[in-house]
Amino acid sequence: MEQNTFKSLLSRLSFDNILPAFKAIYQKLRPDLFEQTDWNIYRDIYQALRTREADTSQYSILIFERWEDASYPGSNCCVGYEEGDNYDYRAIGGYPFLSEILGMEITISNGITLTPQELAAGLLWEITYAQRNGWADLDTEHLTFGYLLSRFSFDDILPDFKHLYQKNALDSFRNADWEAYRKVYQNLQSHEISETRYVLYLASRWEGCSPMIDMNCSVYDKDADEIFQPMATYDSWSEILGMKIIIEHDIIITPQELTAGLFWKSPITDGCHSP
């Protein structure tokens, strides 16, 4: 019997077969984008997946809930494996090897009923996060603050930067010197970048958050598998610019918002927000 995989679903179902189910998920989870969505973007992605080769993987796709019933984005499914004392679970959208996703066996929890069309639509939803959040043209495999600075000018991120400023430091917002921030931003764009074993881990958006307390954006030690310190207290700017960025799977954020947030609570600007 053929294994139940994303690839096997793709071989049996056309995009038109799954489009009603895909639209139902889309309207439920992102109603703010539904009316202006170009469905042909997703058609092209689906068609490309149908011709892509599938690779074997130690991971399986695990489905816990229907997509419409998920308590937050990504909570209803993941990729994972268990082998003795070793195990790992990751969001499908954050798994970097698409060919392996196509070949993973799919396991659906007892009591969860999904038609093949709904299952294929849900998996397409998971792997197309970038298309809904402005990430499609960026190299997310090598995502760093330095890379974002190379892609976006200060004017590109200024509306989102002002939003954070007004939300988190209203008293000083009225007297903010935007040109001073522009100079800091442009200096960062030409700053040297160093390699490091640390990564930046974003656990939540910045609105209403104090990084020194909530540590929504932290320097994470990959070797020790633990948070090292808040980004706002890390003193090597060249290393911050070179750290790969890991975004928690349930966060919806555009690349401009991410760049503005990193700039907002970076050590070089943190002291400038005071009245």
C-alpha atoms as a PDB file:
ATOM      1  CA  MET A   1       0.000   0.000   0.000  1.00  0.00           C
ATOM      2  CA  GLU A   2       1.290   3.463  -0.898  1.00  0.00           C
ATOM      3  CA  GLN A   3       2.335   5.544   2.099  1.00  0.00           C
ATOM      4  CA  ASN A   4       0.185   8.553   2.899  1.00  0.00           C
ATOM      5  CA  THR A   5       2.541  11.442   2.074  1.00  0.00           C
ATOM      6  CA  PHE A   6       2.157  14.966   0.776  1.00  0.00           C
ATOM      7  CA  LYS A   7       3.675  13.755  -2.501  1.00  0.00           C
ATOM      8  CA  SER A   8       1.065  11.003  -2.867  1.00  0.00           C
ATOM      9  CA  LEU A   9      -1.690  13.564  -2.274  1.00  0.00           C
ATOM     10  CA  LEU A  10      -0.180  15.874  -4.875  1.00  0.00           C
ATOM     11  CA  SER A  11      -0.115  13.071  -7.429  1.00  0.00           C
ATOM     12  CA  ARG A  12      -3.827  12.340  -6.928  1.00  0.00           C
ATOM     13  CA  LEU A  13      -5.283  15.824  -6.503  1.00  0.00           C
ATOM     14  CA  SER A  14      -5.156  18.870  -8.741  1.00  0.00           C
ATOM     15  CA  PHE A  15      -5.055  22.392  -7.358  1.00  0.00           C
ATOM     16  CA  ASP A  16      -8.696  22.868  -8.354  1.00  0.00           C
ATOM     17  CA  ASN A  17      -9.566  19.758  -6.325  1.00  0.00           C
ATOM     18  CA  ILE A  18      -8.175  21.311  -3.139  1.00  0.00           C
ATOM     19  CA  LEU A  19      -8.944  24.992  -3.793  1.00  0.00           C
ATOM     20  CA  PRO A  20     -12.301  25.089  -1.907  1.00  0.00           C
ATOM     21  CA  ALA A  21     -10.659  23.549   1.171  1.00  0.00           C
ATOM     22  CA  PHE A  22      -7.665  25.890   0.869  1.00  0.00           C
ATOM     23  CA  LYS A  23      -9.946  28.926   0.642  1.00  0.00           C
ATOM     24  CA  ALA A  24     -11.847  27.745   3.742  1.00  0.00           C
ATOM     25  CA  ILE A  25      -8.608  27.578   5.750  1.00  0.00           C
ATOM     26  CA  TYR A  26      -7.454  30.918   4.385  1.00  0.00           C
ATOM     27  CA  GLN A  27     -10.721  32.697   5.223  1.00  0.00           C
ATOM     28  CA  LYS A  28     -10.738  31.264   8.731  1.00  0.00           C
ATOM     29  CA  LEU A  29      -7.104  32.001   9.611  1.00  0.00           C
ATOM     30  CA  ARG A  30      -6.279  35.141   7.591  1.00  0.00           C
ATOM     31  CA  PRO A  31      -9.550  36.933   6.794  1.00  0.00           C
ATOM     32  CA  ASP A  32      -7.582  40.194   6.568  1.00  0.00           C
ATOM     33  CA  LEU A  33      -5.891  38.946   3.388  1.00  0.00           C
ATOM     34  CA  PHE A  34      -8.617  36.789   1.850  1.00  0.00           C
ATOM     35  CA  GLU A  35     -10.272  39.268  -0.522  1.00  0.00           C
ATOM     36  CA  GLN A  36      -7.045  40.470  -2.165  1.00  0.00           C
ATOM     37  CA  THR A  37      -5.383  37.049  -2.469  1.00  0.00           C
ATOM     38  CA  ASP A  38      -4.135  35.996  -5.897  1.00  0.00           C
ATOM     39  CA  TRP A  39      -4.947  32.278  -5.964  1.00  0.00           C
ATOM     40  CA  ASN A  40      -2.725  31.779  -9.006  1.00  0.00           C
ATOM     41  CA  ILE A  41       0.316  32.312  -6.771  1.00  0.00           C
ATOM     42  CA  TYR A  42      -0.683  29.233  -4.815  1.00  0.00           C
ATOM     43  CA  ARG A  43      -1.626  27.372  -7.999  1.00  0.00           C
ATOM     44  CA  ASP A  44       1.900  27.864  -9.337  1.00  0.00           C
ATOM     45  CA  ILE A  45       3.446  26.680  -6.066  1.00  0.00           C
ATOM     46  CA  TYR A  46       1.207  23.620  -6.019  1.00  0.00           C
ATOM     47  CA  GLN A  47       2.028  22.776  -9.650  1.00  0.00           C
ATOM     48  CA  ALA A  48       5.762  23.072  -8.905  1.00  0.00           C
ATOM     49  CA  LEU A  49       5.384  20.735  -5.923  1.00  0.00           C
ATOM     50  CA  ARG A  50       3.703  18.113  -8.115  1.00  0.00           C
ATOM     51  CA  THR A  51       6.815  17.827 -10.279  1.00  0.00           C
ATOM     52  CA  ARG A  52       9.345  18.007  -7.432  1.00  0.00           C
ATOM     53  CA  GLU A  53      11.112  14.841  -6.287  1.00  0.00           C
ATOM     54  CA  ALA A  54      10.447  13.628  -2.752  1.00  0.00           C
ATOM     55  CA  ASP A  55      13.271  12.600  -0.402  1.00  0.00           C
ATOM     56  CA  THR A  56      13.198  10.205   2.518  1.00  0.00           C
ATOM     57  CA  SER A  57      13.361  11.595   6.049  1.00  0.00           C
ATOM     58  CA  GLN A  58      13.538  10.371   9.632  1.00  0.00           C
ATOM     59  CA  TYR A  59      10.743  12.838  10.392  1.00  0.00           C
ATOM     60  CA  SER A  60       6.996  12.290  10.021  1.00  0.00           C
ATOM     61  CA  ILE A  61       4.214  14.839   9.633  1.00  0.00           C
ATOM     62  CA  LEU A  62       1.975  14.773  12.726  1.00  0.00           C
ATOM     63  CA  ILE A  63      -1.542  16.222  12.623  1.00  0.00           C
ATOM     64  CA  PHE A  64      -3.276  16.895  15.965  1.00  0.00           C
ATOM     65  CA  GLU A  65      -6.247  19.071  14.947  1.00  0.00           C
ATOM     66  CA  ARG A  66      -7.993  20.396  11.886  1.00  0.00           C
ATOM     67  CA  TRP A  67      -6.482  23.686  10.711  1.00  0.00           C
ATOM     68  CA  GLU A  68      -9.695  25.595  11.401  1.00  0.00           C
ATOM     69  CA  ASP A  69      -9.596  24.390  15.026  1.00  0.00           C
ATOM     70  CA  ALA A  70      -5.978  25.311  15.774  1.00  0.00           C
ATOM     71  CA  SER A  71      -5.631  27.417  18.921  1.00  0.00           C
ATOM     72  CA  TYR A  72      -2.814  29.412  17.293  1.00  0.00           C
ATOM     73  CA  PRO A  73      -0.942  29.172  13.965  1.00  0.00           C
ATOM     74  CA  GLY A  74       1.053  25.966  13.734  1.00  0.00           C
ATOM     75  CA  SER A  75      -0.350  24.405  16.914  1.00  0.00           C
ATOM     76  CA  ASN A  76      -2.284  21.684  15.097  1.00  0.00           C
ATOM     77  CA  CYS A  77       0.613  20.038  13.245  1.00  0.00           C
ATOM     78  CA  CYS A  78       4.381  19.613  13.134  1.00  0.00           C
ATOM     79  CA  VAL A  79       7.165  17.420  11.814  1.00  0.00           C
ATOM     80  CA  GLY A  80       8.858  15.185  14.344  1.00  0.00           C
ATOM     81  CA  TYR A  81      10.698  11.988  15.156  1.00  0.00           C
ATOM     82  CA  GLU A  82      11.483   9.852  18.184  1.00  0.00           C
ATOM     83  CA  GLU A  83      14.360   7.380  18.305  1.00  0.00           C
ATOM     84  CA  GLY A  84      15.287   6.077  21.745  1.00  0.00           C
ATOM     85  CA  ASP A  85      16.191   9.070  23.891  1.00  0.00           C
ATOM     86  CA  ASN A  86      16.508  11.318  20.840  1.00  0.00           C
ATOM     87  CA  TYR A  87      13.569  13.332  19.585  1.00  0.00           C
ATOM     88  CA  ASP A  88      12.817  16.549  17.752  1.00  0.00           C
ATOM     89  CA  TYR A  89       9.659  18.435  16.804  1.00  0.00           C
ATOM     90  CA  ARG A  90       9.450  21.451  14.499  1.00  0.00           C
ATOM     91  CA  ALA A  91       6.862  23.570  12.751  1.00  0.00           C
ATOM     92  CA  ILE A  92       6.305  22.363   9.190  1.00  0.00           C
ATOM     93  CA  GLY A  93       6.794  25.849   7.794  1.00  0.00           C
ATOM     94  CA  GLY A  94      10.119  26.161   9.588  1.00  0.00           C
ATOM     95  CA  TYR A  95      11.551  22.879   8.296  1.00  0.00           C
ATOM     96  CA  PRO A  96      14.117  23.834   5.636  1.00  0.00           C
ATOM     97  CA  PHE A  97      14.038  20.721   3.411  1.00  0.00           C
ATOM     98  CA  LEU A  98      10.929  20.850   1.244  1.00  0.00           C
ATOM     99  CA  SER A  99      11.741  17.640  -0.653  1.00  0.00           C
ATOM    100  CA  GLU A 100      11.774  15.766   2.656  1.00  0.00           C
ATOM    101  CA  ILE A 101       8.401  17.249   3.645  1.00  0.00           C
ATOM    102  CA  LEU A 102       6.964  15.813   0.432  1.00  0.00           C
ATOM    103  CA  GLY A 103       8.200  12.327   1.354  1.00  0.00           C
ATOM    104  CA  MET A 104       7.314  12.256   5.062  1.00  0.00           C
ATOM    105  CA  GLU A 105       4.686   9.787   6.202  1.00  0.00           C
ATOM    106  CA  ILE A 106       1.600  11.555   7.560  1.00  0.00           C
ATOM    107  CA  THR A 107       0.129  10.499  10.913  1.00  0.00           C
ATOM    108  CA  ILE A 108      -3.272  11.879  11.908  1.00  0.00           C
ATOM    109  CA  SER A 109      -4.385  11.669  15.554  1.00  0.00           C
ATOM    110  CA  ASN A 110      -7.345   9.497  16.453  1.00  0.00           C
ATOM    111  CA  GLY A 111     -10.648  11.326  16.265  1.00  0.00           C
ATOM    112  CA  ILE A 112      -9.439  13.799  13.628  1.00  0.00           C
ATOM    113  CA  THR A 113     -11.243  13.481  10.305  1.00  0.00           C
ATOM    114  CA  LEU A 114      -9.740  15.094   7.234  1.00  0.00           C
ATOM    115  CA  THR A 115     -10.561  14.473   3.601  1.00  0.00           C
ATOM    116  CA  PRO A 116      -7.566  14.101   1.246  1.00  0.00           C
ATOM    117  CA  GLN A 117      -8.460  17.520  -0.154  1.00  0.00           C
ATOM    118  CA  GLU A 118      -8.473  19.128   3.314  1.00  0.00           C
ATOM    119  CA  LEU A 119      -5.178  17.464   4.221  1.00  0.00           C
ATOM    120  CA  ALA A 120      -3.440  18.579   1.018  1.00  0.00           C
ATOM    121  CA  ALA A 121      -4.857  22.096   1.454  1.00  0.00           C
ATOM    122  CA  GLY A 122      -3.623  22.266   5.060  1.00  0.00           C
ATOM    123  CA  LEU A 123      -0.115  21.167   4.131  1.00  0.00           C
ATOM    124  CA  LEU A 124      -0.011  23.705   1.304  1.00  0.00           C
ATOM    125  CA  TRP A 125      -1.058  26.329   3.857  1.00  0.00           C
ATOM    126  CA  GLU A 126       1.826  25.366   6.152  1.00  0.00           C
ATOM    127  CA  ILE A 127       4.578  25.652   3.563  1.00  0.00           C
ATOM    128  CA  THR A 128       3.388  28.977   2.095  1.00  0.00           C
ATOM    129  CA  TYR A 129       3.830  31.215   5.155  1.00  0.00           C
ATOM    130  CA  ALA A 130       6.258  33.392   3.177  1.00  0.00           C
ATOM    131  CA  GLN A 131       3.691  34.254   0.512  1.00  0.00           C
ATOM    132  CA  ARG A 132       1.255  35.654   3.109  1.00  0.00           C
ATOM    133  CA  ASN A 133       3.755  37.715   5.055  1.00  0.00           C
ATOM    134  CA  GLY A 134       6.073  39.380   2.545  1.00  0.00           C
ATOM    135  CA  TRP A 135       8.893  36.845   2.791  1.00  0.00           C
ATOM    136  CA  ALA A 136       8.653  35.259  -0.661  1.00  0.00           C
ATOM    137  CA  ASP A 137      11.548  37.229  -2.194  1.00  0.00           C
ATOM    138  CA  LEU A 138      13.922  36.938   0.776  1.00  0.00           C
ATOM    139  CA  ASP A 139      16.580  34.336   1.531  1.00  0.00           C
ATOM    140  CA  THR A 140      15.089  32.950   4.730  1.00  0.00           C
ATOM    141  CA  GLU A 141      17.710  30.175   4.868  1.00  0.00           C
ATOM    142  CA  HIS A 142      20.346  32.821   5.695  1.00  0.00           C
ATOM    143  CA  LEU A 143      18.193  35.268   7.629  1.00  0.00           C
ATOM    144  CA  THR A 144      20.238  37.649   9.780  1.00  0.00           C
ATOM    145  CA  PHE A 145      19.857  41.257  10.933  1.00  0.00           C
ATOM    146  CA  GLY A 146      22.740  42.168   8.637  1.00  0.00           C
ATOM    147  CA  TYR A 147      20.910  40.610   5.682  1.00  0.00           C
ATOM    148  CA  LEU A 148      17.709  42.507   6.513  1.00  0.00           C
ATOM    149  CA  LEU A 149      19.650  45.767   6.735  1.00  0.00           C
ATOM    150  CA  SER A 150      20.989  45.095   3.245  1.00  0.00           C
ATOM    151  CA  ARG A 151      17.472  44.611   1.877  1.00  0.00           C
ATOM    152  CA  PHE A 152      15.588  47.476   3.533  1.00  0.00           C
ATOM    153  CA  SER A 153      16.335  51.180   3.751  1.00  0.00           C
ATOM    154  CA  PHE A 154      15.452  53.229   6.814  1.00  0.00           C
ATOM    155  CA  ASP A 155      12.441  54.648   4.950  1.00  0.00           C
ATOM    156  CA  ASP A 156      11.241  51.081   4.286  1.00  0.00           C
ATOM    157  CA  ILE A 157      11.033  50.309   8.000  1.00  0.00           C
ATOM    158  CA  LEU A 158      10.235  53.790   9.347  1.00  0.00           C
ATOM    159  CA  PRO A 159       6.416  53.330   9.529  1.00  0.00           C
ATOM    160  CA  ASP A 160       6.832  50.133  11.558  1.00  0.00           C
ATOM    161  CA  PHE A 161       9.564  51.716  13.681  1.00  0.00           C
ATOM    162  CA  LYS A 162       7.293  54.670  14.469  1.00  0.00           C
ATOM    163  CA  HIS A 163       4.489  52.260  15.353  1.00  0.00           C
ATOM    164  CA  LEU A 164       6.697  50.478  17.899  1.00  0.00           C
ATOM    165  CA  TYR A 165       7.977  53.769  19.262  1.00  0.00           C
ATOM    166  CA  GLN A 166       4.467  55.148  19.767  1.00  0.00           C
ATOM    167  CA  LYS A 167       3.242  51.878  21.265  1.00  0.00           C
ATOM    168  CA  ASN A 168       6.120  51.348  23.692  1.00  0.00           C
ATOM    169  CA  ALA A 169       7.510  54.837  24.443  1.00  0.00           C
ATOM    170  CA  LEU A 170       4.712  57.333  23.935  1.00  0.00           C
ATOM    171  CA  ASP A 171       6.245  59.968  26.224  1.00  0.00           C
ATOM    172  CA  SER A 172       9.375  60.297  24.090  1.00  0.00           C
ATOM    173  CA  PHE A 173       7.658  59.626  20.747  1.00  0.00           C
ATOM    174  CA  ARG A 174       6.589  63.255  20.285  1.00  0.00           C
ATOM    175  CA  ASN A 175      10.195  64.485  20.509  1.00  0.00           C
ATOM    176  CA  ALA A 176      11.886  61.665  18.619  1.00  0.00           C
ATOM    177  CA  ASP A 177      14.635  62.702  16.216  1.00  0.00           C
ATOM    178  CA  TRP A 178      14.013  60.472  13.200  1.00  0.00           C
ATOM    179  CA  GLU A 179      17.068  61.757  11.343  1.00  0.00           C
ATOM    180  CA  ALA A 180      19.294  60.735  14.252  1.00  0.00           C
ATOM    181  CA  TYR A 181      17.860  57.227  14.021  1.00  0.00           C
ATOM    182  CA  ARG A 182      18.376  57.298  10.261  1.00  0.00           C
ATOM    183  CA  LYS A 183      22.106  57.940  10.772  1.00  0.00           C
ATOM    184  CA  VAL A 184      22.367  55.093  13.270  1.00  0.00           C
ATOM    185  CA  TYR A 185      20.559  52.762  10.869  1.00  0.00           C
ATOM    186  CA  GLN A 186      22.793  53.726   7.954  1.00  0.00           C
ATOM    187  CA  ASN A 187      25.901  53.221  10.099  1.00  0.00           C
ATOM    188  CA  LEU A 188      24.672  49.719  10.897  1.00  0.00           C
ATOM    189  CA  GLN A 189      24.209  49.004   7.205  1.00  0.00           C
ATOM    190  CA  SER A 190      27.965  49.488   6.691  1.00  0.00           C
ATOM    191  CA  HIS A 191      29.037  47.831   9.956  1.00  0.00           C
ATOM    192  CA  GLU A 192      31.302  44.779   9.834  1.00  0.00           C
ATOM    193  CA  ILE A 193      29.672  41.402  10.481  1.00  0.00           C
ATOM    194  CA  SER A 194      31.198  38.566  12.515  1.00  0.00           C
ATOM    195  CA  GLU A 195      30.333  34.881  12.739  1.00  0.00           C
ATOM    196  CA  THR A 196      29.154  33.480  16.079  1.00  0.00           C
ATOM    197  CA  ARG A 197      27.751  30.303  17.548  1.00  0.00           C
ATOM    198  CA  TYR A 198      24.791  32.290  18.883  1.00  0.00           C
ATOM    199  CA  VAL A 199      21.460  32.881  17.128  1.00  0.00           C
ATOM    200  CA  LEU A 200      18.669  35.408  17.711  1.00  0.00           C
ATOM    201  CA  TYR A 201      15.438  33.809  18.918  1.00  0.00           C
ATOM    202  CA  LEU A 202      12.209  35.793  18.535  1.00  0.00           C
ATOM    203  CA  ALA A 203       9.512  34.482  20.881  1.00  0.00           C
ATOM    204  CA  SER A 204       6.924  37.259  20.416  1.00  0.00           C
ATOM    205  CA  ARG A 205       6.347  40.602  18.740  1.00  0.00           C
ATOM    206  CA  TRP A 206       7.661  43.785  20.388  1.00  0.00           C
ATOM    207  CA  GLU A 207       4.409  45.666  20.985  1.00  0.00           C
ATOM    208  CA  GLY A 208       3.897  46.176  24.710  1.00  0.00           C
ATOM    209  CA  CYS A 209       6.897  44.016  25.530  1.00  0.00           C
ATOM    210  CA  SER A 210       9.951  44.829  27.640  1.00  0.00           C
ATOM    211  CA  PRO A 211      12.860  42.738  26.299  1.00  0.00           C
ATOM    212  CA  MET A 212      14.737  43.081  29.584  1.00  0.00           C
ATOM    213  CA  ILE A 213      11.855  41.381  31.412  1.00  0.00           C
ATOM    214  CA  ASP A 214       9.956  39.343  28.834  1.00  0.00           C
ATOM    215  CA  MET A 215      13.031  38.542  26.740  1.00  0.00           C
ATOM    216  CA  ASN A 216      10.936  38.331  23.604  1.00  0.00           C
ATOM    217  CA  CYS A 217      14.114  38.585  21.511  1.00  0.00           C
ATOM    218  CA  SER A 218      17.048  36.724  22.992  1.00  0.00           C
ATOM    219  CA  VAL A 219      20.544  35.602  22.135  1.00  0.00           C
ATOM    220  CA  TYR A 220      20.375  31.813  22.079  1.00  0.00           C
ATOM    221  CA  ASP A 221      23.351  29.497  22.574  1.00  0.00           C
ATOM    222  CA  LYS A 222      23.058  26.705  20.000  1.00  0.00           C
ATOM    223  CA  ASP A 223      25.737  24.542  21.657  1.00  0.00           C
ATOM    224  CA  ALA A 224      24.273  24.700  25.161  1.00  0.00           C
ATOM    225  CA  ASP A 225      20.683  24.733  23.850  1.00  0.00           C
ATOM    226  CA  GLU A 226      19.696  27.591  26.155  1.00  0.00           C
ATOM    227  CA  ILE A 227      18.974  31.313  26.179  1.00  0.00           C
ATOM    228  CA  PHE A 228      22.190  33.254  26.835  1.00  0.00           C
ATOM    229  CA  GLN A 229      20.872  36.791  27.434  1.00  0.00           C
ATOM    230  CA  PRO A 230      18.482  39.405  26.012  1.00  0.00           C
ATOM    231  CA  MET A 231      19.542  40.852  22.681  1.00  0.00           C
ATOM    232  CA  ALA A 232      19.263  44.334  24.256  1.00  0.00           C
ATOM    233  CA  THR A 233      22.234  43.612  26.574  1.00  0.00           C
ATOM    234  CA  TYR A 234      24.535  41.869  24.090  1.00  0.00           C
ATOM    235  CA  ASP A 235      27.550  44.109  23.465  1.00  0.00           C
ATOM    236  CA  SER A 236      29.019  42.798  20.194  1.00  0.00           C
ATOM    237  CA  TRP A 237      27.270  44.558  17.343  1.00  0.00           C
ATOM    238  CA  SER A 238      29.218  42.745  14.654  1.00  0.00           C
ATOM    239  CA  GLU A 239      28.023  39.408  16.102  1.00  0.00           C
ATOM    240  CA  ILE A 240      24.389  40.551  16.449  1.00  0.00           C
ATOM    241  CA  LEU A 241      24.369  41.444  12.755  1.00  0.00           C
ATOM    242  CA  GLY A 242      25.659  37.981  11.850  1.00  0.00           C
ATOM    243  CA  MET A 243      23.370  35.876  14.056  1.00  0.00           C
ATOM    244  CA  LYS A 244      20.846  33.713  12.243  1.00  0.00           C
ATOM    245  CA  ILE A 245      17.288  34.628  13.249  1.00  0.00           C
ATOM    246  CA  ILE A 246      14.855  31.966  14.437  1.00  0.00           C
ATOM    247  CA  ILE A 247      11.213  33.067  14.630  1.00  0.00           C
ATOM    248  CA  GLU A 248       8.733  31.166  16.801  1.00  0.00           C
ATOM    249  CA  HIS A 249       6.306  29.418  14.447  1.00  0.00           C
ATOM    250  CA  ASP A 250       3.119  31.111  15.705  1.00  0.00           C
ATOM    251  CA  ILE A 251       4.367  34.685  15.124  1.00  0.00           C
ATOM    252  CA  ILE A 252       2.934  36.602  12.181  1.00  0.00           C
ATOM    253  CA  ILE A 253       5.391  39.331  11.236  1.00  0.00           C
ATOM    254  CA  THR A 254       6.561  40.985   8.035  1.00  0.00           C
ATOM    255  CA  PRO A 255      10.295  41.375   7.279  1.00  0.00           C
ATOM    256  CA  GLN A 256       9.949  45.153   7.647  1.00  0.00           C
ATOM    257  CA  GLU A 257       8.349  44.719  11.092  1.00  0.00           C
ATOM    258  CA  LEU A 258      11.122  42.307  12.083  1.00  0.00           C
ATOM    259  CA  THR A 259      13.836  44.729  10.960  1.00  0.00           C
ATOM    260  CA  ALA A 260      12.152  47.613  12.790  1.00  0.00           C
ATOM    261  CA  GLY A 261      11.835  45.513  15.951  1.00  0.00           C
ATOM    262  CA  LEU A 262      15.465  44.429  15.920  1.00  0.00           C
ATOM    263  CA  PHE A 263      16.502  48.048  15.403  1.00  0.00           C
ATOM    264  CA  TRP A 264      14.105  49.212  18.150  1.00  0.00           C
ATOM    265  CA  LYS A 265      15.561  47.066  20.899  1.00  0.00           C
ATOM    266  CA  SER A 266      19.142  46.815  19.788  1.00  0.00           C
ATOM    267  CA  PRO A 267      21.794  47.957  22.291  1.00  0.00           C
ATOM    268  CA  ILE A 268      22.777  50.923  20.124  1.00  0.00           C
ATOM    269  CA  THR A 269      19.266  52.448  20.128  1.00  0.00           C
ATOM    270  CA  ASP A 270      17.800  51.224  23.414  1.00  0.00           C
ATOM    271  CA  GLY A 271      19.087  54.198  25.416  1.00  0.00           C
ATOM    272  CA  CYS A 272      17.737  56.695  22.895  1.00  0.00           C
ATOM    273  CA  HIS A 273      14.073  55.962  23.624  1.00  0.00           C
ATOM    274  CA  SER A 274      14.063  57.676  27.024  1.00  0.00           C
ATOM    275  CA  PRO A 275      12.341  61.072  27.355  1.00  0.00           C
END
